[in-house]
Amino acid sequence: MLEFKFPDVGEGIHEGTIVKWRVKEGDEVKSDQVLVEIETDKAVVEIPSPRAGVIAKTFHAEKETIKVGDTLVVITDKGEAYDPSATSVATASTPATTTTSVPPPDKGPGVVGSIDASNKEIPAATPSARAEIPALNLSAQPKILPGTRNLALKLGVDLSMIKGSGTNGMITDADVMSASSIKPTSAAKTPSAPLPSKTFPGPVTITEYKGIRKAVGDHVHESHMHTVPVTHFDTLDITKLFNKRETEKAAAQAQNIKLTFLAYIVQAVTQTLKDFSMINSELNESTEEIVTKNYYNIGIAVDTEEGLLVPVIKDADKKDLYTIAQEIVSLAEKAKAKKLTLEEMSGGSFTITNYGSVGGDFATPVINYPQSAILGLGKIRDTLALDPANPTAAPHLIKTMGLSLTFDHRLIDGAVAARFVNALMLKLQ
């Protein structure tokens, strides 16, 4: 008998909402068969069964929000009676998979410690053998919740050096902050008082603030609290690039590639970042160190019905224009279908957001913290301009695009930001 819990799927995810059960009580399942689809704040993940057996009991209904560590199902051997008092003998959490198939790792992160994620059967527990089952032997692992583990990682705290003060030796946030010499305030320990109910003078629609929408809100709030943002604006003459793209578009279409301006901009940004390393850096506030990234993973903000998602083009400096164009389209489609993997949304070093695709010349984009800068692209417009070589001639039409670079002024001075944008425009003209 196995009590299977919602696993720690990483990337700071602590909860999810059950979208759809793929099994019901009494169903026979195979190892790695999908049990349930759960929407986290980053993607919809498919939770596979850790073993073959029979679904003796399911917990939680569709649309219900659950925490990491909450029990999902109890799995028994065929013919084995379900004994609720015995489920605590063998518990497990296995890695979730996203809706895009990914080969399972040898070891899976669990709620506490790790377990074998292979396809081997877990023998059923019997009254005589229960005391001898060493299945997970978690005593050697620090007892810590995923959110506290992420806090320790962020603050650079060695968990092996901490003695937990919580229940049964659980390591708490206060233990981690104390170990990093950051003392929790009394306000942090006191839960906020519930807000009073509010009345409105007319009809309203109430929607739960959760999932991707809440994740976006939490992330931009974190950026607001941890950066000193300044935005530099400029206007790019994109006439030559516009004509070049029109010429090359047909050749790309012959290879089933949709060639957008964004592909050219990603390529130019990557080349420019190599000359302006501070734009491709982040500040580690806990260690007071500036981390300069010598890799170029470009995040592309994608507008979806659920909220803004930012898939990442990895090693963009090592890819040609057509490959970048293909990845932009592929990642955008997966984002809108909620099929991005966590890997495809992690590891970015710089982000581009194309608000011009829905209109607007300039904006003040929010930095994708902990990155140090983000580039916003405005709408391509026809603009009347004078010829600098012949200012008395009649104005002529050119194609222009507004650029907005928001940067963390703690790391980047205004002059450096201006030089970066100037160098980028030269590559695009």
Protein backbone atom coordinates (compact mmCIF):
# COMPACT_ATOMS: atom_id res chain seq x y z
CA MET A 1 0.00 0.00 0.00
CA LEU A 2 1.39 3.40 -1.00
CA GLU A 3 0.26 6.89 -0.02
CA PHE A 4 1.33 9.11 -2.90
CA LYS A 5 1.76 12.85 -2.25
CA PHE A 6 1.88 15.92 -4.49
CA PRO A 7 5.63 16.18 -5.25
CA ASP A 8 7.98 19.13 -5.07
CA VAL A 9 8.28 19.98 -8.77
CA GLY A 10 10.94 22.64 -8.16
CA GLU A 11 11.30 26.28 -9.26
CA GLY A 12 9.78 27.56 -6.00
CA ILE A 13 6.37 26.00 -6.63
CA HIS A 14 4.46 25.34 -3.39
CA GLU A 15 0.92 24.66 -4.55
CA GLY A 16 -1.23 23.83 -7.54
CA THR A 17 -4.85 23.48 -8.65
CA ILE A 18 -6.26 20.15 -9.77
CA VAL A 19 -7.37 20.56 -13.38
CA LYS A 20 -8.46 17.02 -14.24
CA TRP A 21 -8.33 13.59 -12.69
CA ARG A 22 -7.22 10.98 -15.23
CA VAL A 23 -8.10 8.05 -12.95
CA LYS A 24 -10.84 7.17 -10.47
CA GLU A 25 -11.09 4.91 -7.45
CA GLY A 26 -10.92 1.26 -8.45
CA ASP A 27 -8.91 1.85 -11.64
CA GLU A 28 -5.86 -0.33 -12.31
CA VAL A 29 -2.84 1.78 -13.27
CA LYS A 30 0.60 1.12 -14.70
CA SER A 31 3.85 2.61 -13.48
CA ASP A 32 4.31 6.14 -14.93
CA GLN A 33 0.65 6.31 -16.04
CA VAL A 34 -0.68 9.86 -15.64
CA LEU A 35 -2.91 10.15 -12.58
CA VAL A 36 -3.88 13.81 -12.54
CA GLU A 37 -3.23 17.15 -14.25
CA ILE A 38 -2.30 19.99 -11.90
CA GLU A 39 -1.91 23.64 -12.84
CA THR A 40 0.94 25.37 -11.04
CA ASP A 41 1.86 29.02 -11.35
CA LYS A 42 4.16 28.15 -14.26
CA ALA A 43 2.57 25.34 -16.26
CA VAL A 44 0.13 22.44 -16.27
CA VAL A 45 1.98 19.35 -15.07
CA GLU A 46 1.00 15.71 -15.41
CA ILE A 47 1.62 13.69 -12.26
CA PRO A 48 2.62 10.07 -13.07
CA SER A 49 2.04 7.03 -10.89
CA PRO A 50 5.16 5.87 -9.02
CA ARG A 51 4.12 2.20 -9.34
CA ALA A 52 1.57 -0.17 -10.81
CA GLY A 53 -1.48 -1.10 -8.76
CA VAL A 54 -5.05 -0.15 -8.01
CA ILE A 55 -6.29 3.33 -7.07
CA ALA A 56 -7.81 2.60 -3.67
CA LYS A 57 -8.53 6.21 -2.71
CA THR A 58 -8.32 9.63 -4.35
CA PHE A 59 -8.07 12.87 -2.39
CA HIS A 60 -9.17 16.38 -3.40
CA ALA A 61 -11.63 17.43 -6.10
CA GLU A 62 -11.07 19.10 -9.44
CA LYS A 63 -10.54 22.88 -9.14
CA GLU A 64 -9.30 22.40 -5.57
CA THR A 65 -5.96 24.01 -4.64
CA ILE A 66 -3.48 21.70 -2.91
CA LYS A 67 -0.06 22.17 -1.32
CA VAL A 68 3.16 20.26 -1.99
CA GLY A 69 3.06 17.26 0.36
CA ASP A 70 -0.73 16.84 0.31
CA THR A 71 -1.85 13.26 -0.39
CA LEU A 72 -3.13 12.67 -3.93
CA VAL A 73 -3.97 8.94 -3.98
CA VAL A 74 -3.49 5.67 -2.17
CA ILE A 75 -2.27 2.83 -4.41
CA THR A 76 -2.65 -0.83 -3.41
CA ASP A 77 -1.77 -4.13 -5.03
CA LYS A 78 -4.56 -5.88 -6.91
CA GLY A 79 -6.70 -7.71 -4.37
CA GLU A 80 -5.19 -5.87 -1.40
CA ALA A 81 -7.70 -4.31 0.97
CA TYR A 82 -7.44 -0.59 1.62
CA ASP A 83 -6.44 0.00 5.23
CA PRO A 84 -6.30 3.77 5.98
CA SER A 85 -4.25 3.12 9.13
CA ALA A 86 -1.46 1.49 7.10
CA THR A 87 -0.85 4.19 4.48
CA SER A 88 1.70 5.97 6.63
CA VAL A 89 4.04 2.98 6.33
CA ALA A 90 5.11 3.68 2.76
CA THR A 91 4.74 7.19 1.40
CA ALA A 92 6.29 8.66 -1.70
CA SER A 93 6.45 11.66 -3.98
CA THR A 94 7.80 11.44 -7.51
CA PRO A 95 8.68 14.12 -10.05
CA ALA A 96 5.86 15.53 -12.11
CA THR A 97 6.08 15.70 -15.87
CA THR A 98 4.73 18.52 -17.98
CA THR A 99 2.39 17.98 -20.89
CA THR A 100 5.50 17.70 -23.07
CA SER A 101 7.08 14.29 -22.52
CA VAL A 102 10.43 14.36 -20.73
CA PRO A 103 12.44 11.23 -19.81
CA PRO A 104 12.19 10.63 -16.05
CA PRO A 105 15.38 11.20 -14.02
CA ASP A 106 17.03 8.43 -12.01
CA LYS A 107 16.24 10.23 -8.77
CA GLY A 108 13.18 12.32 -8.09
CA PRO A 109 12.92 15.25 -5.68
CA GLY A 110 10.41 14.47 -2.97
CA VAL A 111 8.72 16.53 -0.33
CA VAL A 112 11.58 15.61 2.01
CA GLY A 113 14.71 13.93 0.67
CA SER A 114 14.57 11.83 -2.50
CA ILE A 115 13.28 8.48 -3.67
CA ASP A 116 14.05 6.05 -6.43
CA ALA A 117 12.08 7.08 -9.52
CA SER A 118 12.60 3.78 -11.37
CA ASN A 119 9.82 1.45 -12.47
CA LYS A 120 10.50 -1.16 -9.77
CA GLU A 121 7.44 -2.38 -7.87
CA ILE A 122 7.12 -1.42 -4.22
CA PRO A 123 6.10 -4.52 -2.27
CA ALA A 124 2.85 -4.30 -0.34
CA ALA A 125 3.19 -3.75 3.37
CA THR A 126 2.10 -6.57 5.67
CA PRO A 127 1.59 -6.37 9.43
CA SER A 128 4.61 -8.58 10.11
CA ALA A 129 6.92 -6.78 7.73
CA ARG A 130 6.00 -3.15 8.32
CA ALA A 131 8.59 -2.53 11.01
CA GLU A 132 11.35 -3.77 8.70
CA ILE A 133 10.59 -1.62 5.65
CA PRO A 134 13.43 0.90 5.19
CA ALA A 135 11.81 2.31 2.03
CA LEU A 136 12.63 5.98 2.32
CA ASN A 137 14.87 6.33 5.40
CA LEU A 138 14.29 10.08 5.56
CA SER A 139 15.96 10.51 8.93
CA ALA A 140 19.30 11.28 7.30
CA GLN A 141 17.77 14.14 5.30
CA PRO A 142 17.04 17.58 6.76
CA LYS A 143 13.33 18.02 7.46
CA ILE A 144 12.35 21.12 5.54
CA LEU A 145 9.46 22.37 3.43
CA PRO A 146 10.18 23.27 -0.24
CA GLY A 147 9.62 27.00 0.32
CA THR A 148 12.10 27.04 3.20
CA ARG A 149 14.60 25.05 1.12
CA ASN A 150 14.33 27.68 -1.66
CA LEU A 151 14.88 30.45 0.90
CA ALA A 152 18.03 28.69 2.13
CA LEU A 153 19.27 28.35 -1.45
CA LYS A 154 18.63 32.04 -2.13
CA LEU A 155 20.47 33.09 1.04
CA GLY A 156 23.32 30.61 0.55
CA VAL A 157 22.67 28.78 3.82
CA ASP A 158 24.12 25.28 4.38
CA LEU A 159 21.19 23.21 5.66
CA SER A 160 23.45 20.56 7.13
CA MET A 161 24.65 23.13 9.68
CA ILE A 162 21.16 23.96 10.96
CA LYS A 163 19.31 22.24 13.78
CA GLY A 164 15.59 22.66 13.13
CA SER A 165 13.51 24.32 15.82
CA GLY A 166 10.17 23.27 14.37
CA THR A 167 7.99 20.25 15.08
CA ASN A 168 9.99 17.01 14.99
CA GLY A 169 13.13 18.95 14.13
CA MET A 170 11.65 20.69 11.07
CA ILE A 171 13.85 23.53 9.76
CA THR A 172 11.82 26.75 9.66
CA ASP A 173 12.19 30.04 7.79
CA ALA A 174 13.32 31.61 11.07
CA ASP A 175 16.10 29.00 11.40
CA VAL A 176 17.33 29.79 7.88
CA MET A 177 17.21 33.55 8.37
CA SER A 178 18.97 33.24 11.71
CA ALA A 179 21.73 31.18 10.08
CA SER A 180 22.19 33.89 7.46
CA SER A 181 22.22 36.63 10.15
CA ILE A 182 18.93 38.03 8.87
CA LYS A 183 16.64 38.23 11.87
CA PRO A 184 12.92 37.84 11.21
CA THR A 185 10.83 40.76 12.39
CA SER A 186 7.91 40.37 14.70
CA ALA A 187 5.69 41.61 11.89
CA ALA A 188 6.81 38.71 9.73
CA LYS A 189 5.69 36.25 12.40
CA THR A 190 2.25 37.77 12.86
CA PRO A 191 -0.32 36.80 10.23
CA SER A 192 -2.08 39.68 8.55
CA ALA A 193 -5.58 40.43 9.76
CA PRO A 194 -8.26 39.48 7.23
CA LEU A 195 -9.51 42.38 5.16
CA PRO A 196 -13.05 43.48 5.94
CA SER A 197 -15.71 42.56 3.40
CA LYS A 198 -16.39 45.33 0.93
CA THR A 199 -19.62 46.43 -0.65
CA PHE A 200 -19.91 47.92 -4.14
CA PRO A 201 -22.48 50.34 -5.54
CA GLY A 202 -23.24 48.06 -8.51
CA PRO A 203 -22.97 44.46 -9.77
CA VAL A 204 -19.47 42.92 -9.78
CA THR A 205 -17.83 39.67 -10.87
CA ILE A 206 -15.46 38.01 -8.38
CA THR A 207 -12.56 35.93 -9.71
CA GLU A 208 -10.04 34.06 -7.58
CA TYR A 209 -6.56 35.58 -7.59
CA LYS A 210 -4.43 32.47 -8.06
CA GLY A 211 -2.48 30.39 -10.57
CA ILE A 212 -0.51 32.13 -13.30
CA ARG A 213 -2.19 35.50 -12.65
CA LYS A 214 -1.08 35.45 -9.01
CA ALA A 215 2.40 34.24 -9.97
CA VAL A 216 2.81 37.19 -12.34
CA GLY A 217 1.61 39.57 -9.64
CA ASP A 218 3.96 38.12 -7.03
CA HIS A 219 6.90 38.27 -9.43
CA VAL A 220 6.43 41.89 -10.51
CA HIS A 221 5.91 42.87 -6.86
CA GLU A 222 9.20 41.15 -6.00
CA SER A 223 10.90 43.07 -8.79
CA HIS A 224 9.43 46.34 -7.51
CA MET A 225 10.75 45.62 -4.01
CA HIS A 226 14.24 44.52 -5.05
CA THR A 227 15.27 46.80 -7.93
CA VAL A 228 15.76 50.51 -8.58
CA PRO A 229 14.23 50.72 -12.07
CA VAL A 230 14.93 53.46 -14.60
CA THR A 231 13.73 53.38 -18.22
CA HIS A 232 15.71 54.70 -21.21
CA PHE A 233 13.70 55.48 -24.37
CA ASP A 234 14.88 55.76 -27.96
CA THR A 235 13.48 55.48 -31.48
CA LEU A 236 14.95 53.03 -33.99
CA ASP A 237 14.96 53.66 -37.74
CA ILE A 238 14.06 50.14 -38.82
CA THR A 239 13.59 50.88 -42.53
CA LYS A 240 16.56 48.84 -43.76
CA LEU A 241 15.73 45.91 -41.49
CA PHE A 242 12.09 46.08 -42.60
CA ASN A 243 13.14 45.79 -46.25
CA LYS A 244 15.66 43.04 -45.46
CA ARG A 245 13.05 41.01 -43.65
CA GLU A 246 10.59 41.42 -46.54
CA THR A 247 13.25 40.08 -48.91
CA GLU A 248 14.22 37.12 -46.70
CA LYS A 249 10.68 36.21 -45.60
CA ALA A 250 9.88 34.19 -48.71
CA ALA A 251 13.06 32.11 -48.40
CA ALA A 252 12.22 31.37 -44.78
CA GLN A 253 8.65 30.40 -45.64
CA ALA A 254 10.01 27.90 -48.17
CA GLN A 255 11.56 26.13 -45.15
CA ASN A 256 8.33 26.45 -43.12
CA ILE A 257 9.89 29.14 -40.92
CA LYS A 258 7.97 32.22 -39.81
CA LEU A 259 10.59 34.98 -39.85
CA THR A 260 9.58 37.83 -37.53
CA PHE A 261 11.40 41.02 -36.58
CA LEU A 262 11.76 39.59 -33.10
CA ALA A 263 14.19 36.96 -34.39
CA TYR A 264 16.50 39.68 -35.75
CA ILE A 265 16.24 41.61 -32.50
CA VAL A 266 17.04 38.55 -30.35
CA GLN A 267 20.13 37.92 -32.47
CA ALA A 268 21.25 41.57 -32.27
CA VAL A 269 20.57 41.78 -28.51
CA THR A 270 22.68 38.67 -27.91
CA GLN A 271 25.60 40.13 -29.87
CA THR A 272 25.32 43.49 -28.06
CA LEU A 273 25.19 41.91 -24.60
CA LYS A 274 28.68 40.52 -25.15
CA ASP A 275 30.00 44.10 -25.18
CA PHE A 276 27.88 45.23 -22.19
CA SER A 277 28.27 42.50 -19.59
CA MET A 278 26.56 44.47 -16.81
CA ILE A 279 23.29 44.36 -18.77
CA ASN A 280 23.56 40.56 -18.59
CA SER A 281 24.14 40.36 -14.84
CA GLU A 282 22.30 40.18 -11.54
CA LEU A 283 22.91 41.33 -7.98
CA ASN A 284 23.08 38.70 -5.24
CA GLU A 285 21.81 40.81 -2.37
CA SER A 286 22.51 38.20 0.31
CA THR A 287 26.22 37.92 -0.55
CA GLU A 288 26.58 41.48 -1.92
CA GLU A 289 28.08 40.14 -5.14
CA ILE A 290 27.47 41.04 -8.78
CA VAL A 291 27.06 37.92 -10.90
CA THR A 292 28.04 38.51 -14.53
CA LYS A 293 26.57 35.84 -16.79
CA ASN A 294 28.74 34.55 -19.60
CA TYR A 295 25.81 32.76 -21.20
CA TYR A 296 23.02 34.32 -23.25
CA ASN A 297 19.59 32.89 -22.52
CA ILE A 298 16.98 35.30 -23.86
CA GLY A 299 13.49 35.30 -22.35
CA ILE A 300 10.57 36.20 -24.62
CA ALA A 301 7.46 37.53 -22.87
CA VAL A 302 4.32 35.87 -24.28
CA ASP A 303 0.81 37.21 -23.68
CA THR A 304 -1.59 34.34 -22.87
CA GLU A 305 -5.19 34.15 -21.68
CA GLU A 306 -3.94 33.15 -18.22
CA GLY A 307 -1.28 35.87 -17.94
CA LEU A 308 2.27 36.68 -19.02
CA LEU A 309 4.67 33.76 -19.46
CA VAL A 310 8.37 34.04 -20.31
CA PRO A 311 9.88 31.05 -22.13
CA VAL A 312 13.63 31.17 -22.69
CA ILE A 313 15.74 30.69 -25.82
CA LYS A 314 18.81 28.94 -24.40
CA ASP A 315 22.31 29.76 -25.74
CA ALA A 316 20.90 32.21 -28.28
CA ASP A 317 24.44 33.29 -29.21
CA LYS A 318 25.12 29.81 -30.60
CA LYS A 319 22.03 29.71 -32.85
CA ASP A 320 21.46 31.10 -36.33
CA LEU A 321 18.60 33.40 -37.30
CA TYR A 322 16.30 30.66 -38.60
CA THR A 323 16.76 28.49 -35.50
CA ILE A 324 15.93 31.47 -33.27
CA ALA A 325 12.84 32.22 -35.40
CA GLN A 326 11.65 28.60 -35.09
CA GLU A 327 12.10 28.58 -31.32
CA ILE A 328 10.22 31.87 -30.90
CA VAL A 329 7.17 30.46 -32.69
CA SER A 330 7.38 27.05 -30.99
CA LEU A 331 7.74 28.47 -27.47
CA ALA A 332 4.95 31.02 -28.01
CA GLU A 333 2.57 28.29 -29.19
CA LYS A 334 3.42 26.10 -26.21
CA ALA A 335 2.95 29.04 -23.84
CA LYS A 336 -0.54 29.75 -25.16
CA ALA A 337 -1.42 26.05 -24.92
CA LYS A 338 -0.02 25.91 -21.36
CA LYS A 339 2.41 23.18 -22.40
CA LEU A 340 5.70 24.84 -21.46
CA THR A 341 8.01 22.80 -19.29
CA LEU A 342 9.66 24.32 -16.23
CA GLU A 343 13.01 23.90 -17.98
CA GLU A 344 11.78 26.02 -20.90
CA MET A 345 10.89 28.84 -18.49
CA SER A 346 14.02 28.87 -16.36
CA GLY A 347 17.59 30.11 -16.68
CA GLY A 348 17.00 33.40 -18.50
CA SER A 349 19.69 36.09 -18.39
CA PHE A 350 17.88 38.90 -20.26
CA THR A 351 14.27 39.44 -21.34
CA ILE A 352 12.51 41.06 -24.31
CA THR A 353 8.85 42.07 -24.25
CA ASN A 354 7.05 43.04 -27.46
CA TYR A 355 4.14 45.21 -26.33
CA GLY A 356 4.14 46.83 -29.79
CA SER A 357 2.44 43.72 -31.16
CA VAL A 358 -0.77 44.93 -29.49
CA GLY A 359 -0.09 48.65 -30.01
CA GLY A 360 1.89 51.35 -28.25
CA ASP A 361 5.22 53.04 -28.90
CA PHE A 362 6.81 53.12 -25.44
CA ALA A 363 6.31 51.57 -22.02
CA THR A 364 8.20 51.04 -18.78
CA PRO A 365 8.53 47.24 -18.65
CA VAL A 366 9.08 45.60 -15.27
CA ILE A 367 12.49 43.96 -14.85
CA ASN A 368 12.29 40.15 -14.83
CA TYR A 369 13.94 39.92 -11.41
CA PRO A 370 16.69 38.95 -10.59
CA GLN A 371 17.86 40.01 -14.05
CA SER A 372 19.23 43.53 -14.34
CA ALA A 373 17.41 44.79 -17.45
CA ILE A 374 14.53 44.22 -19.87
CA LEU A 375 14.01 45.53 -23.41
CA GLY A 376 10.57 46.66 -24.60
CA LEU A 377 9.67 46.86 -28.30
CA GLY A 378 7.09 49.31 -29.62
CA LYS A 379 4.87 49.21 -32.68
CA ILE A 380 6.47 49.65 -36.12
CA ARG A 381 5.09 52.88 -37.59
CA ASP A 382 5.41 54.99 -40.74
CA THR A 383 7.10 58.26 -39.76
CA LEU A 384 7.91 61.39 -41.76
CA ALA A 385 11.61 62.28 -41.57
CA LEU A 386 14.08 64.69 -43.10
CA ASP A 387 17.18 63.55 -44.95
CA PRO A 388 20.17 64.62 -42.79
CA ALA A 389 22.31 64.94 -45.91
CA ASN A 390 19.74 67.20 -47.57
CA PRO A 391 17.62 68.91 -44.91
CA THR A 392 15.93 71.19 -47.44
CA ALA A 393 14.45 68.23 -49.34
CA ALA A 394 10.86 67.20 -48.78
CA PRO A 395 10.23 64.82 -45.85
CA HIS A 396 10.05 61.15 -46.70
CA LEU A 397 8.55 58.09 -44.99
CA ILE A 398 10.67 55.78 -42.87
CA LYS A 399 9.79 52.83 -40.59
CA THR A 400 10.39 53.44 -36.89
CA MET A 401 10.11 51.42 -33.69
CA GLY A 402 10.16 52.67 -30.12
CA LEU A 403 12.63 51.02 -27.73
CA SER A 404 12.37 51.01 -23.93
CA LEU A 405 15.19 49.63 -21.80
CA THR A 406 14.32 49.35 -18.11
CA PHE A 407 17.42 48.73 -16.01
CA ASP A 408 18.40 48.37 -12.35
CA HIS A 409 20.21 51.60 -11.53
CA ARG A 410 22.12 49.89 -8.71
CA LEU A 411 24.09 48.00 -11.37
CA ILE A 412 23.74 50.05 -14.54
CA ASP A 413 24.31 53.77 -15.00
CA GLY A 414 22.20 55.77 -17.42
CA ALA A 415 25.14 56.36 -19.75
CA VAL A 416 25.82 52.62 -19.98
CA ALA A 417 22.16 51.96 -20.78
CA ALA A 418 22.21 54.63 -23.51
CA ARG A 419 25.38 53.21 -25.05
CA PHE A 420 23.87 49.72 -25.02
CA VAL A 421 20.76 50.92 -26.87
CA ASN A 422 22.89 52.91 -29.35
CA ALA A 423 25.02 49.85 -30.10
CA LEU A 424 21.91 47.70 -30.49
CA MET A 425 20.36 50.17 -32.94
CA LEU A 426 23.51 50.19 -35.07
CA LYS A 427 23.24 46.41 -35.43
CA LEU A 428 19.58 46.71 -36.49
CA GLN A 429 19.95 49.55 -38.99
